[in-house]
């Protein structure tokens, strides 16, 4: 069972995908994804998702949508006076 290794893998995956992991960590992650089909799927899906995201052009948010979003966020961030009492 790979449960411990899988948890470790998930904790270290960002460093690997960001290319900030040292050589030893990269080797350990690569060994794990070769041994664990579930983590290989997570790795492959995440890597492909990042590639799609990075290839997208930035989109402007329409002004009316931005205003509605800001209004909702302000409401959510307001302190609830009932909770303060």
N, C-alpha and C. Protein backbone atom coordinates (compact mmCIF):
# COMPACT_ATOMS: atom_id res chain seq x y z
N UNK A 1 0.85 -1.19 0.00
CA UNK A 1 0.00 0.00 0.00
C UNK A 1 0.89 1.24 0.00
N UNK A 2 0.52 2.20 -0.82
CA UNK A 2 1.32 3.40 -1.02
C UNK A 2 0.81 4.61 -0.25
N UNK A 3 -0.14 4.45 0.66
CA UNK A 3 -0.82 5.58 1.27
C UNK A 3 0.13 6.66 1.78
N UNK A 4 1.13 6.29 2.56
CA UNK A 4 2.08 7.28 3.07
C UNK A 4 2.82 7.96 1.93
N UNK A 5 3.31 7.16 0.99
CA UNK A 5 4.04 7.71 -0.14
C UNK A 5 3.15 8.61 -0.98
N UNK A 6 1.89 8.24 -1.13
CA UNK A 6 0.96 9.05 -1.94
C UNK A 6 0.72 10.40 -1.28
N UNK A 7 0.56 10.42 0.02
CA UNK A 7 0.39 11.69 0.73
C UNK A 7 1.63 12.55 0.56
N UNK A 8 2.79 11.95 0.72
CA UNK A 8 4.05 12.67 0.52
C UNK A 8 4.13 13.22 -0.90
N UNK A 9 3.78 12.37 -1.88
CA UNK A 9 3.80 12.77 -3.28
C UNK A 9 2.95 14.01 -3.51
N UNK A 10 1.73 14.01 -2.98
CA UNK A 10 0.83 15.14 -3.17
C UNK A 10 1.38 16.42 -2.55
N UNK A 11 2.07 16.26 -1.42
CA UNK A 11 2.67 17.43 -0.76
C UNK A 11 3.83 18.01 -1.57
N UNK A 12 4.53 17.17 -2.33
CA UNK A 12 5.72 17.61 -3.06
C UNK A 12 5.46 17.89 -4.55
N UNK A 13 4.28 17.58 -5.02
CA UNK A 13 3.98 17.69 -6.46
C UNK A 13 4.18 19.11 -7.00
N UNK A 14 3.78 20.12 -6.25
CA UNK A 14 3.94 21.50 -6.73
C UNK A 14 5.39 21.84 -7.03
N UNK A 15 6.28 21.45 -6.12
CA UNK A 15 7.70 21.74 -6.34
C UNK A 15 8.18 21.07 -7.63
N UNK A 16 7.75 19.85 -7.84
CA UNK A 16 8.15 19.12 -9.04
C UNK A 16 7.64 19.83 -10.30
N UNK A 17 6.36 20.16 -10.30
CA UNK A 17 5.76 20.79 -11.49
C UNK A 17 6.26 22.21 -11.71
N UNK A 18 6.61 22.90 -10.62
CA UNK A 18 7.17 24.26 -10.73
C UNK A 18 8.65 24.24 -11.09
N UNK A 19 9.22 23.04 -11.15
CA UNK A 19 10.63 22.84 -11.47
C UNK A 19 11.54 23.49 -10.43
N UNK A 20 11.11 23.43 -9.16
CA UNK A 20 11.94 23.95 -8.07
C UNK A 20 12.47 22.83 -7.18
N UNK A 21 12.09 21.60 -7.49
CA UNK A 21 12.55 20.46 -6.69
C UNK A 21 14.00 20.14 -7.04
N UNK A 22 14.76 19.75 -6.02
CA UNK A 22 16.15 19.35 -6.29
C UNK A 22 16.16 17.99 -6.98
N UNK A 23 17.32 17.59 -7.45
CA UNK A 23 17.45 16.36 -8.24
C UNK A 23 17.00 15.12 -7.46
N UNK A 24 17.31 15.05 -6.17
CA UNK A 24 16.93 13.89 -5.37
C UNK A 24 15.40 13.80 -5.25
N UNK A 25 14.76 14.93 -4.98
CA UNK A 25 13.31 14.93 -4.86
C UNK A 25 12.66 14.57 -6.19
N UNK A 26 13.18 15.10 -7.28
CA UNK A 26 12.64 14.78 -8.61
C UNK A 26 12.72 13.28 -8.87
N UNK A 27 13.85 12.69 -8.51
CA UNK A 27 14.04 11.26 -8.73
C UNK A 27 13.05 10.44 -7.89
N UNK A 28 12.85 10.82 -6.64
CA UNK A 28 11.91 10.11 -5.77
C UNK A 28 10.48 10.22 -6.29
N UNK A 29 10.10 11.40 -6.76
CA UNK A 29 8.75 11.59 -7.31
C UNK A 29 8.58 10.75 -8.57
N UNK A 30 9.55 10.79 -9.46
CA UNK A 30 9.47 10.02 -10.70
C UNK A 30 9.38 8.52 -10.41
N UNK A 31 10.13 8.06 -9.42
CA UNK A 31 10.06 6.65 -9.05
C UNK A 31 8.66 6.31 -8.54
N UNK A 32 8.10 7.19 -7.73
CA UNK A 32 6.77 6.92 -7.17
C UNK A 32 5.70 6.89 -8.27
N UNK A 33 5.74 7.82 -9.20
CA UNK A 33 4.69 7.82 -10.24
C UNK A 33 4.84 6.62 -11.18
N UNK A 34 6.02 6.05 -11.26
CA UNK A 34 6.19 4.83 -12.05
C UNK A 34 5.66 3.61 -11.32
N UNK A 35 5.62 3.68 -10.00
CA UNK A 35 5.15 2.55 -9.19
C UNK A 35 3.67 2.64 -8.83
N UNK A 36 3.11 3.83 -8.86
CA UNK A 36 1.75 4.04 -8.35
C UNK A 36 0.85 4.60 -9.46
N UNK A 37 -0.03 3.79 -10.02
CA UNK A 37 -0.88 4.26 -11.11
C UNK A 37 -1.80 5.41 -10.72
N UNK A 38 -2.28 5.43 -9.49
CA UNK A 38 -3.17 6.52 -9.07
C UNK A 38 -2.44 7.86 -9.06
N UNK A 39 -1.24 7.88 -8.53
CA UNK A 39 -0.48 9.12 -8.50
C UNK A 39 -0.01 9.52 -9.89
N UNK A 40 0.22 8.55 -10.76
CA UNK A 40 0.57 8.88 -12.14
C UNK A 40 -0.59 9.62 -12.80
N UNK A 41 -1.82 9.19 -12.54
CA UNK A 41 -3.00 9.87 -13.12
C UNK A 41 -3.08 11.29 -12.58
N UNK A 42 -2.88 11.47 -11.28
CA UNK A 42 -2.91 12.82 -10.69
C UNK A 42 -1.83 13.68 -11.33
N UNK A 43 -0.64 13.14 -11.41
CA UNK A 43 0.49 13.87 -12.01
C UNK A 43 0.19 14.26 -13.45
N UNK A 44 -0.23 13.29 -14.26
CA UNK A 44 -0.48 13.53 -15.67
C UNK A 44 -1.60 14.54 -15.88
N UNK A 45 -2.68 14.40 -15.14
CA UNK A 45 -3.82 15.32 -15.27
C UNK A 45 -3.44 16.74 -14.86
N UNK A 46 -2.71 16.85 -13.77
CA UNK A 46 -2.30 18.17 -13.29
C UNK A 46 -1.34 18.82 -14.28
N UNK A 47 -0.41 18.05 -14.77
CA UNK A 47 0.56 18.58 -15.75
C UNK A 47 -0.16 19.07 -17.01
N UNK A 48 -1.12 18.29 -17.50
CA UNK A 48 -1.86 18.69 -18.70
C UNK A 48 -2.74 19.92 -18.44
N UNK A 49 -3.35 19.97 -17.28
CA UNK A 49 -4.17 21.13 -16.92
C UNK A 49 -3.33 22.40 -16.88
N UNK A 50 -2.15 22.31 -16.28
CA UNK A 50 -1.27 23.47 -16.22
C UNK A 50 -0.83 23.91 -17.62
N UNK A 51 -0.57 22.96 -18.50
CA UNK A 51 -0.16 23.29 -19.87
C UNK A 51 -1.28 24.03 -20.60
N UNK A 52 -2.51 23.58 -20.41
CA UNK A 52 -3.65 24.26 -21.04
C UNK A 52 -3.79 25.66 -20.47
N UNK A 53 -3.73 25.77 -19.15
CA UNK A 53 -3.90 27.06 -18.49
C UNK A 53 -2.82 28.05 -18.92
N UNK A 54 -1.57 27.60 -18.98
CA UNK A 54 -0.47 28.48 -19.36
C UNK A 54 -0.57 28.91 -20.81
N UNK A 55 -1.22 28.10 -21.65
CA UNK A 55 -1.36 28.43 -23.06
C UNK A 55 -2.51 29.37 -23.37
N UNK A 56 -3.32 29.66 -22.36
CA UNK A 56 -4.48 30.52 -22.58
C UNK A 56 -4.07 31.99 -22.53
N UNK A 57 -4.78 32.79 -23.30
CA UNK A 57 -4.58 34.23 -23.23
C UNK A 57 -5.42 34.80 -22.11
N UNK A 58 -4.92 35.84 -21.49
CA UNK A 58 -5.67 36.48 -20.41
C UNK A 58 -6.96 37.07 -20.98
N UNK A 59 -8.01 36.95 -20.21
CA UNK A 59 -9.32 37.47 -20.63
C UNK A 59 -9.73 38.59 -19.68
N UNK A 60 -10.30 39.64 -20.26
CA UNK A 60 -10.82 40.73 -19.45
C UNK A 60 -12.19 40.35 -18.92
N UNK A 61 -12.43 40.72 -17.68
CA UNK A 61 -13.73 40.49 -17.08
C UNK A 61 -14.61 41.70 -17.42
N UNK A 62 -15.81 41.47 -17.97
CA UNK A 62 -16.69 42.60 -18.27
C UNK A 62 -16.95 43.44 -17.02
N UNK A 63 -17.05 44.74 -17.19
CA UNK A 63 -17.19 45.67 -16.06
C UNK A 63 -18.38 45.32 -15.17
N UNK A 64 -19.51 44.96 -15.77
CA UNK A 64 -20.69 44.66 -14.94
C UNK A 64 -20.47 43.40 -14.10
N UNK A 65 -19.79 42.42 -14.64
CA UNK A 65 -19.49 41.21 -13.90
C UNK A 65 -18.51 41.53 -12.76
N UNK A 66 -17.52 42.35 -13.04
CA UNK A 66 -16.55 42.73 -12.02
C UNK A 66 -17.25 43.45 -10.86
N UNK A 67 -18.16 44.37 -11.18
CA UNK A 67 -18.87 45.10 -10.14
C UNK A 67 -19.73 44.17 -9.29
N UNK A 68 -20.42 43.23 -9.92
CA UNK A 68 -21.26 42.27 -9.18
C UNK A 68 -20.40 41.39 -8.28
N UNK A 69 -19.27 40.96 -8.80
CA UNK A 69 -18.36 40.12 -8.03
C UNK A 69 -17.83 40.88 -6.81
N UNK A 70 -17.40 42.11 -7.02
CA UNK A 70 -16.88 42.91 -5.90
C UNK A 70 -17.96 43.13 -4.84
N UNK A 71 -19.20 43.37 -5.28
CA UNK A 71 -20.30 43.58 -4.34
C UNK A 71 -20.53 42.34 -3.48
N UNK A 72 -20.53 41.17 -4.11
CA UNK A 72 -20.72 39.91 -3.38
C UNK A 72 -19.56 39.68 -2.41
N UNK A 73 -18.34 39.93 -2.86
CA UNK A 73 -17.18 39.75 -1.99
C UNK A 73 -17.23 40.68 -0.79
N UNK A 74 -17.63 41.92 -1.02
CA UNK A 74 -17.73 42.87 0.09
C UNK A 74 -18.77 42.40 1.11
N UNK A 75 -19.88 41.87 0.63
CA UNK A 75 -20.91 41.36 1.53
C UNK A 75 -20.38 40.17 2.34
N UNK A 76 -19.66 39.29 1.68
CA UNK A 76 -19.12 38.10 2.35
C UNK A 76 -18.05 38.46 3.38
N UNK A 77 -17.32 39.53 3.11
CA UNK A 77 -16.22 39.91 3.99
C UNK A 77 -16.66 40.81 5.14
N UNK A 78 -17.88 41.34 5.08
CA UNK A 78 -18.40 42.18 6.16
C UNK A 78 -18.50 41.36 7.42
N UNK A 79 -18.09 41.94 8.54
CA UNK A 79 -18.25 41.19 9.79
C UNK A 79 -19.74 41.01 10.10
N UNK A 80 -20.07 39.85 10.59
CA UNK A 80 -21.45 39.56 10.96
C UNK A 80 -21.64 40.08 12.39
N UNK A 81 -22.50 41.08 12.55
CA UNK A 81 -22.68 41.71 13.86
C UNK A 81 -23.22 40.73 14.90
N UNK A 82 -23.95 39.71 14.47
CA UNK A 82 -24.44 38.72 15.41
C UNK A 82 -23.30 37.88 15.98
N UNK A 83 -22.25 37.65 15.17
CA UNK A 83 -21.12 36.87 15.61
C UNK A 83 -20.25 37.65 16.59
N UNK A 84 -20.25 38.97 16.48
CA UNK A 84 -19.41 39.82 17.33
C UNK A 84 -19.94 39.84 18.76
N UNK A 85 -21.24 39.76 18.93
CA UNK A 85 -21.85 39.84 20.27
C UNK A 85 -21.57 38.66 21.08
